[in-house]
Amino acid sequence: MLAGEEAGGRRVHAPGDQKKEEVMWLINEALSRIVTRLRRAEGQTLVEYALIIALVSVMLVAALGFLRGDIQDVFTAIGTAFG
């Protein structure tokens, strides 16, 4: 027997189940509306380009943060060579 079931196969709702179902329904409804808007032909390309630019920007910031020490060493070496 699974949790939340009686021997007769009926589902026994826990006190918070209805609230969880309402929240899940609201999330599902919101996602459906977002997908519907994104599927419209007008502006779809603009949204796709914006998402690509945002993704590239986040990746660039992460990469620069990860390589910050190495980049600083390169500029220090260049400055020392000219100085």
C-alpha atoms as a PDB file:
ATOM      1  CA  MET A   1       0.000   0.000   0.000  1.00  0.00           C
ATOM      2  CA  LEU A   2       1.346   3.421  -0.962  1.00  0.00           C
ATOM      3  CA  ALA A   3       1.539   6.368   1.386  1.00  0.00           C
ATOM      4  CA  GLY A   4      -1.677   8.350   1.281  1.00  0.00           C
ATOM      5  CA  GLU A   5      -3.867   5.404   0.240  1.00  0.00           C
ATOM      6  CA  GLU A   6      -6.360   3.324   2.148  1.00  0.00           C
ATOM      7  CA  ALA A   7      -6.955  -0.370   1.584  1.00  0.00           C
ATOM      8  CA  GLY A   8      -9.866   0.463  -0.748  1.00  0.00           C
ATOM      9  CA  GLY A   9      -7.580   2.357  -3.128  1.00  0.00           C
ATOM     10  CA  ARG A  10      -9.059   5.735  -2.264  1.00  0.00           C
ATOM     11  CA  ARG A  11      -6.667   8.597  -1.758  1.00  0.00           C
ATOM     12  CA  VAL A  12      -6.497  10.058   1.727  1.00  0.00           C
ATOM     13  CA  HIS A  13      -5.602  13.746   1.536  1.00  0.00           C
ATOM     14  CA  ALA A  14      -3.161  15.091   4.067  1.00  0.00           C
ATOM     15  CA  PRO A  15      -4.026  18.521   5.498  1.00  0.00           C
ATOM     16  CA  GLY A  16      -1.630  20.387   3.174  1.00  0.00           C
ATOM     17  CA  ASP A  17      -2.390  18.422  -0.011  1.00  0.00           C
ATOM     18  CA  GLN A  18      -5.104  20.780  -1.261  1.00  0.00           C
ATOM     19  CA  LYS A  19      -2.834  23.799  -0.835  1.00  0.00           C
ATOM     20  CA  LYS A  20      -0.020  21.988  -2.687  1.00  0.00           C
ATOM     21  CA  GLU A  21      -2.391  21.086  -5.512  1.00  0.00           C
ATOM     22  CA  GLU A  22      -3.533  24.718  -5.794  1.00  0.00           C
ATOM     23  CA  VAL A  23       0.068  25.948  -5.921  1.00  0.00           C
ATOM     24  CA  MET A  24       0.983  23.349  -8.545  1.00  0.00           C
ATOM     25  CA  TRP A  25      -2.074  24.330 -10.604  1.00  0.00           C
ATOM     26  CA  LEU A  26      -1.067  28.015 -10.424  1.00  0.00           C
ATOM     27  CA  ILE A  27       2.516  27.200 -11.467  1.00  0.00           C
ATOM     28  CA  ASN A  28       1.244  25.046 -14.334  1.00  0.00           C
ATOM     29  CA  GLU A  29      -1.139  27.791 -15.460  1.00  0.00           C
ATOM     30  CA  ALA A  30       1.617  30.427 -15.352  1.00  0.00           C
ATOM     31  CA  LEU A  31       4.002  28.229 -17.347  1.00  0.00           C
ATOM     32  CA  SER A  32       1.288  27.508 -19.907  1.00  0.00           C
ATOM     33  CA  ARG A  33       0.690  31.226 -20.400  1.00  0.00           C
ATOM     34  CA  ILE A  34       4.424  31.929 -20.741  1.00  0.00           C
ATOM     35  CA  VAL A  35       4.840  29.144 -23.312  1.00  0.00           C
ATOM     36  CA  THR A  36       1.814  30.421 -25.248  1.00  0.00           C
ATOM     37  CA  ARG A  37       3.296  33.918 -25.413  1.00  0.00           C
ATOM     38  CA  LEU A  38       6.712  32.632 -26.435  1.00  0.00           C
ATOM     39  CA  ARG A  39       5.199  30.554 -29.242  1.00  0.00           C
ATOM     40  CA  ARG A  40       3.666  33.575 -30.930  1.00  0.00           C
ATOM     41  CA  ALA A  41       5.475  34.343 -34.175  1.00  0.00           C
ATOM     42  CA  GLU A  42       5.841  38.058 -33.498  1.00  0.00           C
ATOM     43  CA  GLY A  43       8.746  38.825 -31.254  1.00  0.00           C
ATOM     44  CA  GLN A  44       9.818  35.205 -30.995  1.00  0.00           C
ATOM     45  CA  THR A  45      13.168  35.877 -32.645  1.00  0.00           C
ATOM     46  CA  LEU A  46      13.768  38.845 -30.365  1.00  0.00           C
ATOM     47  CA  VAL A  47      13.110  36.707 -27.288  1.00  0.00           C
ATOM     48  CA  GLU A  48      15.431  33.983 -28.570  1.00  0.00           C
ATOM     49  CA  TYR A  49      18.230  36.474 -29.210  1.00  0.00           C
ATOM     50  CA  ALA A  50      17.710  38.052 -25.794  1.00  0.00           C
ATOM     51  CA  LEU A  51      17.968  34.651 -24.120  1.00  0.00           C
ATOM     52  CA  ILE A  52      21.126  33.809 -26.052  1.00  0.00           C
ATOM     53  CA  ILE A  53      22.721  37.157 -25.155  1.00  0.00           C
ATOM     54  CA  ALA A  54      21.770  36.699 -21.496  1.00  0.00           C
ATOM     55  CA  LEU A  55      23.230  33.182 -21.433  1.00  0.00           C
ATOM     56  CA  VAL A  56      26.467  34.279 -23.100  1.00  0.00           C
ATOM     57  CA  SER A  57      26.758  37.206 -20.674  1.00  0.00           C
ATOM     58  CA  VAL A  58      26.329  34.990 -17.631  1.00  0.00           C
ATOM     59  CA  MET A  59      28.855  32.498 -18.963  1.00  0.00           C
ATOM     60  CA  LEU A  60      31.332  35.292 -19.726  1.00  0.00           C
ATOM     61  CA  VAL A  61      31.038  36.773 -16.241  1.00  0.00           C
ATOM     62  CA  ALA A  62      31.498  33.321 -14.698  1.00  0.00           C
ATOM     63  CA  ALA A  63      34.539  32.593 -16.871  1.00  0.00           C
ATOM     64  CA  LEU A  64      36.151  35.943 -16.087  1.00  0.00           C
ATOM     65  CA  GLY A  65      35.531  35.415 -12.385  1.00  0.00           C
ATOM     66  CA  PHE A  66      37.050  31.953 -12.581  1.00  0.00           C
ATOM     67  CA  LEU A  67      40.115  33.179 -14.523  1.00  0.00           C
ATOM     68  CA  ARG A  68      40.517  36.454 -12.612  1.00  0.00           C
ATOM     69  CA  GLY A  69      43.842  35.474 -11.016  1.00  0.00           C
ATOM     70  CA  ASP A  70      45.382  34.282 -14.288  1.00  0.00           C
ATOM     71  CA  ILE A  71      44.264  37.422 -16.124  1.00  0.00           C
ATOM     72  CA  GLN A  72      45.693  39.612 -13.386  1.00  0.00           C
ATOM     73  CA  ASP A  73      49.039  37.749 -13.610  1.00  0.00           C
ATOM     74  CA  VAL A  74      49.191  38.319 -17.385  1.00  0.00           C
ATOM     75  CA  PHE A  75      48.572  42.062 -17.032  1.00  0.00           C
ATOM     76  CA  THR A  76      51.094  42.277 -14.194  1.00  0.00           C
ATOM     77  CA  ALA A  77      53.719  40.572 -16.383  1.00  0.00           C
ATOM     78  CA  ILE A  78      52.962  42.947 -19.272  1.00  0.00           C
ATOM     79  CA  GLY A  79      53.199  45.965 -16.983  1.00  0.00           C
ATOM     80  CA  THR A  80      56.491  44.732 -15.532  1.00  0.00           C
ATOM     81  CA  ALA A  81      57.928  44.158 -19.023  1.00  0.00           C
ATOM     82  CA  PHE A  82      57.088  47.745 -20.068  1.00  0.00           C
ATOM     83  CA  GLY A  83      58.046  49.268 -16.745  1.00  0.00           C
END
